[in-house]
Structure formats: structure tokens, C-alpha cells
Amino acid sequence: MLEINQLSIHHFKDSKPIITDLHLIVNPGEKLAIIGEEGTGKSSLLKTIVSPKLIASYADYTGQIRNQF
């Protein structure tokens, strides 16, 4: 299960929000597609879900992420 509650990711360089106030629940067996144009935060979102350390050099986040996979 993946549960995201009030996730916001902000870029250090200009405090530009990458993602703002995301709420999401993905239950076992469900699938999720993340699509969007280049530079819209898809990779930052995935890195934050897997390990917030992966974005530590360019952004920080607030909110809660609970993943059990």
C-alpha cells in the first residue's frame, strides 16, 4: 500500500513548488500511472516516495508518505 498525505515538494533554488498538497492512496493490486510534461515533478515525486534522500540536493518536502512495498 502507498499512502501520501499533504505532500508538497519545493525547489531550494527559488522556492518554486514542484508538487503541492498531494493526497493519494494506492491499495495492493491497484496500478497508478504518473504522466505529465517534462519538468513537472514526476521524477521528484517517485524519488521522494522511494527515498527522500534522493531529492535532498535540490529540494525538500513536507507531508507524510507511508509505503509498504
N, C-alpha and C. Protein backbone atom coordinates (compact mmCIF):
# COMPACT_ATOMS: atom_id res chain seq x y z
N MET A 1 0.84 -1.18 0.00
CA MET A 1 0.00 0.00 0.00
C MET A 1 0.88 1.25 0.00
N LEU A 2 0.44 2.24 -0.69
CA LEU A 2 1.11 3.54 -0.70
C LEU A 2 0.09 4.58 -0.28
N GLU A 3 0.44 5.36 0.73
CA GLU A 3 -0.44 6.44 1.17
C GLU A 3 0.37 7.73 1.26
N ILE A 4 -0.10 8.75 0.59
CA ILE A 4 0.55 10.06 0.61
C ILE A 4 -0.47 11.06 1.13
N ASN A 5 -0.04 11.85 2.10
CA ASN A 5 -0.95 12.81 2.73
C ASN A 5 -0.29 14.18 2.79
N GLN A 6 -0.88 15.15 2.14
CA GLN A 6 -0.43 16.55 2.14
C GLN A 6 1.03 16.70 1.72
N LEU A 7 1.44 15.97 0.69
CA LEU A 7 2.82 16.05 0.21
C LEU A 7 3.02 17.30 -0.63
N SER A 8 4.02 18.08 -0.25
CA SER A 8 4.46 19.23 -1.04
C SER A 8 5.97 19.13 -1.18
N ILE A 9 6.46 19.38 -2.38
CA ILE A 9 7.90 19.37 -2.65
C ILE A 9 8.25 20.74 -3.21
N HIS A 10 9.28 21.35 -2.62
CA HIS A 10 9.70 22.70 -3.04
C HIS A 10 11.17 22.70 -3.44
N HIS A 11 11.47 23.37 -4.52
CA HIS A 11 12.83 23.50 -5.03
C HIS A 11 13.59 24.52 -4.18
N PHE A 12 14.82 24.19 -3.78
CA PHE A 12 15.65 25.11 -2.98
C PHE A 12 15.98 26.39 -3.75
N LYS A 13 16.26 26.25 -5.03
CA LYS A 13 16.79 27.35 -5.84
C LYS A 13 15.90 28.59 -5.78
N ASP A 14 14.61 28.41 -5.95
CA ASP A 14 13.72 29.57 -5.99
C ASP A 14 12.44 29.36 -5.19
N SER A 15 12.45 28.36 -4.32
CA SER A 15 11.27 28.00 -3.51
C SER A 15 10.05 27.68 -4.37
N LYS A 16 10.30 27.41 -5.63
CA LYS A 16 9.22 27.06 -6.55
C LYS A 16 8.60 25.73 -6.13
N PRO A 17 7.28 25.68 -6.01
CA PRO A 17 6.66 24.40 -5.68
C PRO A 17 6.74 23.43 -6.86
N ILE A 18 7.22 22.23 -6.57
CA ILE A 18 7.27 21.18 -7.58
C ILE A 18 5.95 20.42 -7.55
N ILE A 19 5.51 20.09 -6.35
CA ILE A 19 4.22 19.42 -6.12
C ILE A 19 3.61 20.07 -4.89
N THR A 20 2.32 20.30 -4.91
CA THR A 20 1.66 20.97 -3.79
C THR A 20 0.45 20.16 -3.31
N ASP A 21 0.46 19.82 -2.03
CA ASP A 21 -0.69 19.25 -1.32
C ASP A 21 -1.28 18.01 -2.02
N LEU A 22 -0.42 17.04 -2.30
CA LEU A 22 -0.87 15.80 -2.96
C LEU A 22 -1.40 14.82 -1.92
N HIS A 23 -2.57 14.28 -2.19
CA HIS A 23 -3.18 13.22 -1.38
C HIS A 23 -3.40 12.03 -2.31
N LEU A 24 -2.99 10.83 -1.85
CA LEU A 24 -3.08 9.67 -2.73
C LEU A 24 -3.07 8.39 -1.90
N ILE A 25 -3.90 7.43 -2.27
CA ILE A 25 -3.85 6.08 -1.69
C ILE A 25 -3.88 5.09 -2.84
N VAL A 26 -2.89 4.19 -2.86
CA VAL A 26 -2.85 3.11 -3.84
C VAL A 26 -2.82 1.81 -3.05
N ASN A 27 -3.88 1.03 -3.17
CA ASN A 27 -4.00 -0.22 -2.44
C ASN A 27 -3.32 -1.36 -3.17
N PRO A 28 -2.98 -2.45 -2.46
CA PRO A 28 -2.36 -3.61 -3.11
C PRO A 28 -3.20 -4.07 -4.31
N GLY A 29 -2.52 -4.35 -5.40
CA GLY A 29 -3.19 -4.80 -6.62
C GLY A 29 -3.63 -3.68 -7.54
N GLU A 30 -3.66 -2.46 -7.05
CA GLU A 30 -4.02 -1.32 -7.89
C GLU A 30 -2.79 -0.82 -8.64
N LYS A 31 -3.03 -0.18 -9.74
CA LYS A 31 -1.95 0.39 -10.55
C LYS A 31 -2.13 1.90 -10.64
N LEU A 32 -1.02 2.58 -10.81
CA LEU A 32 -1.03 4.03 -10.90
C LEU A 32 -0.10 4.45 -12.04
N ALA A 33 -0.55 5.33 -12.88
CA ALA A 33 0.29 5.91 -13.93
C ALA A 33 0.52 7.37 -13.59
N ILE A 34 1.77 7.78 -13.66
CA ILE A 34 2.12 9.18 -13.42
C ILE A 34 2.59 9.74 -14.76
N ILE A 35 1.81 10.65 -15.31
CA ILE A 35 2.13 11.20 -16.63
C ILE A 35 2.16 12.73 -16.55
N GLY A 36 2.88 13.32 -17.44
CA GLY A 36 2.95 14.77 -17.49
C GLY A 36 4.10 15.22 -18.37
N GLU A 37 4.13 16.48 -18.64
CA GLU A 37 5.18 17.03 -19.47
C GLU A 37 6.51 17.04 -18.72
N GLU A 38 7.58 17.22 -19.47
CA GLU A 38 8.92 17.29 -18.90
C GLU A 38 8.99 18.44 -17.89
N GLY A 39 9.61 18.16 -16.74
CA GLY A 39 9.81 19.21 -15.74
C GLY A 39 8.64 19.47 -14.83
N THR A 40 7.68 18.55 -14.78
CA THR A 40 6.50 18.78 -13.95
C THR A 40 6.52 18.04 -12.62
N GLY A 41 7.63 17.35 -12.28
CA GLY A 41 7.77 16.75 -10.96
C GLY A 41 7.58 15.25 -10.87
N LYS A 42 7.44 14.57 -11.99
CA LYS A 42 7.22 13.12 -11.95
C LYS A 42 8.39 12.39 -11.29
N SER A 43 9.59 12.67 -11.72
CA SER A 43 10.77 12.01 -11.15
C SER A 43 10.99 12.41 -9.70
N SER A 44 10.78 13.66 -9.38
CA SER A 44 10.93 14.11 -7.99
C SER A 44 9.92 13.40 -7.09
N LEU A 45 8.71 13.22 -7.56
CA LEU A 45 7.70 12.50 -6.79
C LEU A 45 8.14 11.06 -6.54
N LEU A 46 8.57 10.37 -7.58
CA LEU A 46 8.99 8.98 -7.41
C LEU A 46 10.20 8.86 -6.50
N LYS A 47 11.16 9.75 -6.65
CA LYS A 47 12.34 9.72 -5.78
C LYS A 47 11.95 9.95 -4.33
N THR A 48 11.03 10.86 -4.08
CA THR A 48 10.59 11.15 -2.72
C THR A 48 9.88 9.95 -2.12
N ILE A 49 9.08 9.25 -2.91
CA ILE A 49 8.39 8.06 -2.42
C ILE A 49 9.39 6.97 -2.06
N VAL A 50 10.37 6.74 -2.92
CA VAL A 50 11.35 5.67 -2.70
C VAL A 50 12.29 6.01 -1.56
N SER A 51 12.87 7.21 -1.60
CA SER A 51 13.81 7.64 -0.57
C SER A 51 13.99 9.15 -0.65
N PRO A 52 13.47 9.89 0.32
CA PRO A 52 13.59 11.35 0.28
C PRO A 52 15.04 11.85 0.16
N LYS A 53 16.01 11.03 0.52
CA LYS A 53 17.41 11.42 0.37
C LYS A 53 17.77 11.71 -1.08
N LEU A 54 17.03 11.10 -2.00
CA LEU A 54 17.32 11.26 -3.42
C LEU A 54 17.05 12.67 -3.93
N ILE A 55 16.22 13.44 -3.24
CA ILE A 55 15.96 14.83 -3.66
C ILE A 55 16.66 15.84 -2.76
N ALA A 56 17.39 15.38 -1.76
CA ALA A 56 17.96 16.27 -0.74
C ALA A 56 18.91 17.32 -1.32
N SER A 57 19.50 17.07 -2.48
CA SER A 57 20.45 18.04 -3.04
C SER A 57 19.75 19.22 -3.73
N TYR A 58 18.47 19.10 -4.05
CA TYR A 58 17.80 20.18 -4.77
C TYR A 58 16.42 20.57 -4.24
N ALA A 59 15.87 19.80 -3.31
CA ALA A 59 14.51 20.11 -2.84
C ALA A 59 14.28 19.53 -1.45
N ASP A 60 13.22 20.01 -0.81
CA ASP A 60 12.76 19.39 0.43
C ASP A 60 11.26 19.15 0.32
N TYR A 61 10.75 18.39 1.28
CA TYR A 61 9.33 18.06 1.21
C TYR A 61 8.70 18.16 2.58
N THR A 62 7.40 18.33 2.59
CA THR A 62 6.60 18.26 3.80
C THR A 62 5.45 17.30 3.51
N GLY A 63 4.88 16.76 4.54
CA GLY A 63 3.79 15.82 4.39
C GLY A 63 4.21 14.43 4.84
N GLN A 64 3.34 13.49 4.63
CA GLN A 64 3.58 12.12 5.09
C GLN A 64 3.52 11.16 3.91
N ILE A 65 4.47 10.22 3.92
CA ILE A 65 4.50 9.16 2.92
C ILE A 65 4.61 7.84 3.67
N ARG A 66 3.69 6.96 3.40
CA ARG A 66 3.75 5.62 4.00
C ARG A 66 3.70 4.63 2.86
N ASN A 67 4.79 3.91 2.67
CA ASN A 67 4.80 2.90 1.62
C ASN A 67 5.14 1.54 2.22
N GLN A 68 4.44 0.56 1.76
CA GLN A 68 4.65 -0.82 2.19
C GLN A 68 4.75 -1.69 0.96
N PHE A 69 5.88 -1.56 0.26
CA PHE A 69 6.11 -2.39 -0.91
C PHE A 69 7.54 -2.85 -0.93
